[in-house]
Protein backbone atom coordinates (compact mmCIF):
# COMPACT_ATOMS: atom_id res chain seq x y z
CA MET A 1 111.91 95.67 81.49
CA ALA A 2 109.76 96.97 78.63
CA ARG A 3 107.90 99.84 77.07
CA VAL A 4 104.10 99.89 77.20
CA HIS A 5 102.26 101.41 74.24
CA LEU A 6 98.52 102.13 74.03
CA SER A 7 97.20 103.08 70.60
CA ASN A 8 93.60 104.32 70.20
CA VAL A 9 92.44 102.09 73.06
CA ASP A 10 88.67 102.02 73.66
CA LYS A 11 86.59 100.29 76.29
CA SER A 12 82.82 99.92 76.22
CA TYR A 13 80.32 98.10 78.39
CA GLY A 14 77.46 97.55 76.01
CA SER A 15 76.50 100.95 74.62
CA ILE A 16 78.40 102.83 77.34
CA LYS A 17 81.92 103.87 76.40
CA VAL A 18 84.18 104.40 79.42
CA VAL A 19 87.58 104.84 77.72
CA HIS A 20 87.74 106.90 74.52
CA GLY A 21 90.57 106.10 72.12
CA ILE A 22 93.49 106.92 74.40
CA ASN A 23 97.10 107.01 73.22
CA LEU A 24 99.97 106.64 75.65
CA GLU A 25 103.66 105.71 75.43
CA ILE A 26 105.32 104.51 78.66
CA GLU A 27 109.07 104.19 78.37
CA ASP A 28 111.26 101.39 79.69
CA ASN A 29 112.03 101.89 83.41
CA GLU A 30 109.58 104.80 83.64
CA PHE A 31 107.27 105.36 86.62
CA VAL A 32 103.94 106.58 85.22
CA VAL A 33 100.95 107.40 87.41
CA LEU A 34 97.37 107.44 86.10
CA VAL A 35 95.39 109.86 88.24
CA GLY A 36 91.90 111.28 88.16
CA PRO A 37 88.56 111.33 89.98
CA SER A 38 86.47 108.21 90.53
CA GLY A 39 84.99 106.90 87.29
CA CYS A 40 87.56 108.56 85.02
CA GLY A 41 88.73 105.23 83.51
CA LYS A 42 92.16 104.93 85.13
CA SER A 43 91.62 101.54 86.80
CA THR A 44 89.90 100.21 83.68
CA THR A 45 92.93 101.28 81.64
CA LEU A 46 95.26 99.49 84.06
CA ARG A 47 93.14 96.34 83.94
CA MET A 48 93.22 96.40 80.14
CA ILE A 49 97.04 96.55 80.23
CA ALA A 50 96.97 93.61 82.65
CA GLY A 51 94.57 91.60 80.49
CA LEU A 52 91.91 91.51 83.20
CA GLU A 53 89.56 93.50 80.94
CA PRO A 54 89.32 92.91 77.18
CA ILE A 55 89.74 96.05 75.08
CA SER A 56 86.95 97.13 72.74
CA GLY A 57 89.25 98.72 70.19
CA GLY A 58 92.83 99.76 69.54
CA GLU A 59 96.08 98.05 70.41
CA ILE A 60 98.19 97.45 73.53
CA SER A 61 101.87 96.48 73.25
CA ILE A 62 104.26 95.41 75.99
CA GLY A 63 107.83 95.37 74.76
CA ASP A 64 107.73 94.26 71.13
CA ARG A 65 104.56 92.16 71.49
CA VAL A 66 100.96 93.11 70.83
CA VAL A 67 99.12 91.65 73.82
CA ASN A 68 95.48 92.30 72.89
CA ASN A 69 94.61 88.61 72.86
CA LEU A 70 97.12 87.31 75.40
CA PRO A 71 95.83 86.16 78.81
CA PRO A 72 97.34 87.89 81.88
CA ARG A 73 99.73 85.04 82.68
CA HIS A 74 101.41 85.39 79.28
CA ARG A 75 101.92 89.18 79.43
CA ASN A 76 104.87 89.00 81.87
CA ILE A 77 103.35 91.59 84.19
CA SER A 78 102.78 91.61 87.96
CA MET A 79 99.90 93.44 89.60
CA VAL A 80 99.60 94.75 93.16
CA PHE A 81 96.07 95.38 94.41
CA GLN A 82 94.77 97.60 97.20
CA ASN A 83 93.42 94.64 99.20
CA TYR A 84 96.82 92.80 99.27
CA ALA A 85 95.22 89.47 98.14
CA LEU A 86 97.47 87.40 100.45
CA TYR A 87 96.75 83.80 101.45
CA PRO A 88 96.01 84.03 105.21
CA HIS A 89 96.94 80.40 105.95
CA MET A 90 100.40 80.72 104.35
CA SER A 91 103.52 82.26 105.85
CA VAL A 92 105.15 85.29 104.27
CA ARG A 93 107.74 82.97 102.73
CA GLU A 94 105.02 80.76 101.22
CA ASN A 95 103.07 83.76 99.94
CA LEU A 96 106.15 85.18 98.25
CA GLY A 97 107.07 81.91 96.57
CA PHE A 98 103.61 80.64 95.68
CA SER A 99 103.55 81.83 92.05
CA LEU A 100 106.98 80.33 91.45
CA LYS A 101 105.84 77.04 92.98
CA ILE A 102 102.86 76.99 90.62
CA ALA A 103 105.28 77.65 87.74
CA LYS A 104 107.15 74.48 88.88
CA GLN A 105 110.45 76.22 89.59
CA SER A 106 112.94 74.37 91.74
CA GLN A 107 113.00 74.93 95.48
CA ALA A 108 116.49 76.41 95.21
CA GLU A 109 115.28 78.98 92.64
CA ILE A 110 112.24 79.80 94.77
CA ASP A 111 114.33 80.27 97.92
CA LYS A 112 116.77 82.54 96.11
CA ALA A 113 114.02 84.73 94.64
CA VAL A 114 112.15 84.93 97.96
CA ASP A 115 115.28 85.87 99.89
CA GLU A 116 116.15 88.59 97.35
CA ALA A 117 112.67 90.10 97.49
CA ALA A 118 112.58 89.92 101.30
CA GLN A 119 115.91 91.74 101.48
CA ILE A 120 114.80 94.48 99.07
CA LEU A 121 111.62 95.10 101.10
CA SER A 122 113.07 94.52 104.61
CA LEU A 123 110.85 91.47 105.18
CA THR A 124 113.54 88.94 106.14
CA GLU A 125 112.61 88.86 109.83
CA TYR A 126 108.92 88.31 108.98
CA LEU A 127 109.28 85.37 106.58
CA ASP A 128 107.82 82.81 109.00
CA ARG A 129 104.86 84.94 110.10
CA LYS A 130 101.32 84.70 108.76
CA PRO A 131 99.71 87.81 107.21
CA GLY A 132 97.43 88.20 110.23
CA ALA A 133 100.48 88.93 112.39
CA LEU A 134 101.63 91.79 110.17
CA SER A 135 100.74 95.48 110.04
CA GLY A 136 98.99 96.94 107.01
CA GLY A 137 102.25 98.37 105.68
CA GLN A 138 104.05 95.04 106.12
CA ARG A 139 101.26 93.19 104.31
CA GLN A 140 101.48 95.65 101.44
CA ARG A 141 105.23 95.04 101.25
CA VAL A 142 104.52 91.28 101.05
CA ALA A 143 102.11 91.94 98.17
CA MET A 144 104.85 93.94 96.44
CA GLY A 145 107.37 91.16 97.13
CA ARG A 146 105.08 88.61 95.55
CA ALA A 147 105.19 90.73 92.40
CA ILE A 148 108.98 91.16 92.53
CA VAL A 149 109.86 87.45 92.66
CA ARG A 150 108.44 86.91 89.20
CA HIS A 151 110.82 89.46 87.62
CA PRO A 152 108.07 90.85 85.37
CA GLU A 153 108.60 93.28 82.51
CA VAL A 154 106.01 95.67 83.99
CA PHE A 155 104.65 96.27 87.50
CA LEU A 156 101.01 97.41 87.75
CA PHE A 157 99.76 99.03 90.97
CA ASP A 158 96.01 99.58 91.49
CA GLU A 159 95.55 102.09 94.34
CA PRO A 160 97.81 100.03 96.63
CA LEU A 161 97.86 102.53 99.51
CA SER A 162 94.18 103.44 99.80
CA ASN A 163 93.60 101.06 102.76
CA LEU A 164 96.43 102.57 104.85
CA ASP A 165 96.31 105.46 107.29
CA ALA A 166 97.98 108.77 106.42
CA LYS A 167 101.29 108.04 108.19
CA LEU A 168 101.62 104.59 106.60
CA ARG A 169 100.75 105.99 103.16
CA THR A 170 103.64 108.42 103.46
CA GLN A 171 106.00 105.63 104.52
CA MET A 172 104.85 103.31 101.73
CA ARG A 173 105.26 106.03 99.09
CA THR A 174 108.92 106.09 100.10
CA GLU A 175 109.10 102.27 99.95
CA ILE A 176 107.63 102.18 96.45
CA LYS A 177 109.99 104.90 95.23
CA LYS A 178 112.95 102.94 96.65
CA LEU A 179 111.62 99.76 95.01
CA HIS A 180 111.59 101.47 91.63
CA GLN A 181 115.20 102.59 92.09
CA LYS A 182 116.33 99.11 93.17
CA VAL A 183 114.62 96.91 90.61
CA LYS A 184 114.87 99.37 87.68
CA SER A 185 111.36 98.51 86.59
CA THR A 186 108.63 99.92 84.40
CA ILE A 187 105.75 100.85 86.72
CA VAL A 188 102.20 101.88 85.88
CA TYR A 189 100.45 103.10 89.02
CA VAL A 190 96.81 104.12 89.52
CA THR A 191 95.63 106.48 92.25
CA HIS A 192 92.96 109.12 92.87
CA ASP A 193 95.36 110.93 95.25
CA GLN A 194 97.19 113.74 93.47
CA VAL A 195 99.77 113.96 96.28
CA GLU A 196 100.74 110.33 95.57
CA ALA A 197 100.93 111.12 91.89
CA MET A 198 103.12 114.19 92.39
CA THR A 199 105.56 112.49 94.76
CA LEU A 200 105.96 109.16 92.92
CA ALA A 201 105.73 109.79 89.19
CA ASP A 202 108.28 110.45 86.51
CA ARG A 203 105.24 111.44 84.44
CA ILE A 204 101.60 111.90 85.37
CA VAL A 205 98.65 110.99 83.15
CA ILE A 206 95.59 112.99 84.20
CA MET A 207 92.29 111.40 83.13
CA ARG A 208 88.68 112.57 83.12
CA ASP A 209 85.59 110.80 81.78
CA GLY A 210 87.65 108.25 79.85
CA TYR A 211 89.89 110.82 78.15
CA ILE A 212 93.50 111.83 78.82
CA GLU A 213 93.54 115.52 79.71
CA GLN A 214 97.30 116.01 80.09
CA VAL A 215 100.54 114.03 80.27
CA GLY A 216 103.68 115.52 81.77
CA THR A 217 106.15 115.61 84.61
CA PRO A 218 104.76 116.58 88.03
CA LEU A 219 106.29 120.05 87.61
CA ASP A 220 104.85 120.44 84.09
CA VAL A 221 101.27 119.67 85.05
CA PHE A 222 101.51 121.81 88.21
CA GLU A 223 103.02 124.88 86.55
CA THR A 224 101.44 124.68 83.08
CA PRO A 225 98.00 123.03 83.35
CA VAL A 226 96.31 122.76 79.95
CA ASN A 227 92.84 123.53 81.27
CA THR A 228 90.87 124.46 84.39
CA PHE A 229 90.23 120.81 85.29
CA VAL A 230 93.93 120.04 85.57
CA ALA A 231 94.53 123.38 87.32
CA THR A 232 92.10 122.51 90.11
CA PHE A 233 92.82 118.78 90.30
CA ILE A 234 96.61 119.06 90.62
CA GLY A 235 97.95 121.04 93.55
CA SER A 236 96.88 121.37 97.16
CA PRO A 237 95.06 123.61 97.79
CA PRO A 238 93.55 123.77 94.30
CA MET A 239 94.10 126.75 92.04
CA ASN A 240 91.86 129.78 92.55
CA LEU A 241 89.75 130.55 89.44
CA LEU A 242 88.03 133.91 88.92
CA PRO A 243 85.97 134.88 85.84
CA GLY A 244 86.68 138.18 84.17
CA ARG A 245 87.26 139.99 80.90
CA VAL A 246 90.25 141.52 79.11
CA MET A 247 89.83 145.29 78.85
CA ASN A 248 92.48 147.80 77.69
CA ALA A 249 95.46 145.58 78.57
CA GLN A 250 93.94 144.82 81.94
CA VAL A 251 91.93 141.99 83.47
CA ALA A 252 88.65 143.18 84.94
CA LEU A 253 87.40 140.54 87.36
CA ASP A 254 83.62 140.10 87.42
CA GLY A 255 82.40 142.21 90.33
CA GLY A 256 85.94 142.72 91.59
CA PRO A 257 89.17 144.63 91.12
CA VAL A 258 90.98 145.35 87.87
CA VAL A 259 94.53 143.99 87.62
CA PRO A 260 97.20 144.45 84.92
CA LEU A 261 97.26 141.84 82.15
CA PRO A 262 100.11 139.44 82.99
CA ASP A 263 103.04 140.03 80.62
CA GLN A 264 103.09 136.36 79.53
CA PHE A 265 99.64 136.81 77.91
CA VAL A 266 100.29 140.01 75.99
CA GLY A 267 99.47 139.29 72.34
CA LYS A 268 97.70 136.04 73.22
CA VAL A 269 94.32 137.50 74.18
CA LYS A 270 91.92 139.95 72.54
CA ASP A 271 90.25 142.99 74.01
CA ASP A 272 86.82 142.17 75.50
CA GLN A 273 87.67 138.45 75.59
CA ALA A 274 85.99 136.51 78.41
CA ILE A 275 88.64 134.72 80.45
CA ILE A 276 89.24 132.96 83.75
CA LEU A 277 92.14 134.19 85.89
CA GLY A 278 93.90 131.40 87.76
CA PHE A 279 96.43 131.64 90.59
CA ARG A 280 97.55 129.46 93.46
CA ALA A 281 97.44 130.28 97.16
CA ASP A 282 101.24 130.63 97.12
CA ASN A 283 100.89 133.52 94.67
CA LEU A 284 98.45 135.55 96.77
CA MET A 285 99.98 136.66 100.09
CA PRO A 286 99.44 139.43 102.64
CA VAL A 287 101.78 142.39 102.46
CA GLY A 288 104.65 141.84 104.90
CA TYR A 289 104.04 138.08 105.06
CA SER A 290 104.92 137.06 101.52
CA MET A 291 107.76 135.80 99.38
CA PRO A 292 109.67 138.51 97.49
CA MET A 293 107.89 139.33 94.21
CA GLU A 294 110.41 140.45 91.61
CA GLY A 295 108.06 140.81 88.64
CA THR A 296 104.74 142.54 88.05
CA HIS A 297 102.22 142.27 90.85
CA ALA A 298 98.84 143.65 91.85
CA GLU A 299 97.85 144.93 95.28
CA PHE A 300 94.36 145.03 96.78
CA ASP A 301 92.58 144.63 100.13
CA MET A 302 90.57 141.56 101.04
CA ASN A 303 88.58 140.41 104.07
CA VAL A 304 89.74 137.17 105.68
CA ASN A 305 86.77 134.92 106.47
CA LEU A 306 88.69 131.98 107.92
CA SER A 307 92.27 131.03 108.74
CA GLU A 308 93.92 127.62 109.08
CA PRO A 309 97.25 127.75 110.97
CA LEU A 310 99.73 125.20 109.58
CA GLY A 311 102.79 126.05 111.64
CA THR A 312 105.26 128.00 109.52
CA GLU A 313 102.41 129.22 107.30
CA THR A 314 98.70 129.92 107.56
CA LEU A 315 96.10 129.25 104.88
CA LEU A 316 93.72 132.19 104.57
CA PHE A 317 90.24 132.08 103.04
CA GLY A 318 88.79 135.33 101.72
CA SER A 319 86.31 136.74 99.23
CA LEU A 320 87.46 138.29 95.97
CA ALA A 321 85.21 139.20 93.06
CA GLY A 322 82.37 137.36 94.79
CA LYS A 323 84.29 134.08 94.94
CA GLU A 324 86.09 132.34 97.78
CA VAL A 325 89.83 132.34 97.26
CA MET A 326 92.72 130.89 99.23
CA ALA A 327 95.94 132.71 100.11
CA LYS A 328 99.02 131.89 102.17
CA MET A 329 100.64 133.83 104.98
CA LEU A 330 104.30 133.09 105.70
CA ASN A 331 105.78 133.57 109.21
CA PRO A 332 102.20 134.07 110.30
CA ARG A 333 100.53 135.92 113.12
CA PRO A 334 96.99 135.30 114.44
CA VAL A 335 94.34 136.58 112.02
CA LYS A 336 90.80 137.34 113.18
CA ASN A 337 87.83 136.32 111.08
CA GLY A 338 86.63 139.38 109.17
CA GLU A 339 90.00 141.15 109.39
CA ARG A 340 90.85 143.18 106.29
CA LEU A 341 94.40 142.86 104.98
CA PRO A 342 96.34 144.19 101.99
CA PHE A 343 97.38 141.39 99.60
CA LEU A 344 99.92 141.05 96.82
CA LEU A 345 99.13 138.92 93.73
CA ASP A 346 102.16 137.73 91.75
CA LEU A 347 101.05 138.26 88.15
CA THR A 348 104.08 136.44 86.72
CA ARG A 349 102.70 133.18 88.16
CA CYS A 350 99.09 133.72 87.04
CA HIS A 351 97.23 131.72 84.40
CA LEU A 352 94.54 132.70 81.92
CA PHE A 353 91.98 130.25 80.55
CA ASP A 354 89.38 130.79 77.85
CA ALA A 355 85.99 131.18 79.52
CA ASP A 356 84.21 129.08 76.89
CA THR A 357 86.62 126.21 76.26
CA GLN A 358 88.30 126.22 79.72
CA GLN A 359 91.62 125.72 77.86
CA SER A 360 94.84 127.51 78.81
CA LEU A 361 95.66 130.61 76.76
CA ARG A 362 99.46 130.16 77.06
């Protein structure tokens, strides 16, 4: 396998720039996920790595080769698309071996590669079926198998699970993770689904408007988002964000309660500084229905406007400082709309962002 290196890579369509000088190093055998909202440039970046889109500036290397001017077939990559791109008139066996047949490999080599891929992806019993006789998940495994037989340096996945239902997506996430462990491959994977990104990636690359906002492990980007965009994009439900101001070692929320300044921000903010307080639903819980809070916390009452029972926990929607916020109730009981409950906010898990730049103040 191989490293993938992007250096100051730009992409423009006429006068419209869609990727802005991004830099990214993907290590050998690493599983990297590009994630972001529609139009952020993630698929365009993947297609530039594949050679399906010419770059407008910068340099892309795969292994020790600069591939800017190499056609896709010479980059030693394999790409898996969301629409499977299988030949409907061919059997699974023929689909898997087609690229090797075109490359004029011997039938013995083709059979060996096809059998190995079928075994890895549990497709052996389906080798003589046509794609039309397969489920969506099976067809996606065939598309993955067609990539495996070529033994590429890099696998590229472009939203491969978006056509599947929720149950199949969960199953296929597991299949792709197992594939990575078996073939020890470098994988670059594009999705708009942050759950996919969190569960699959060694590292996540979060993109917005053609820029890279943050690169890190799933835990890094969840626990230490660099700005409010990452804070609300990563994590389900998204992080609560409340505007306020630092006053006398406290945070005065606009139109709401005053809470102590979290210890982790002492010395990092100035008095009268406009900030945004961020916290996740897991860090705001009703008294008596919360995780133990060992550090500093704040307590206040809040009306519950809506509740969503989820079994062992309930998601609560309330109003705080004039904004809707989400909280979690563990070992829940029924909660009536409009019911007022005392809540605990774990200040040790809170975030502060600059109100003007939206950047983290850590």
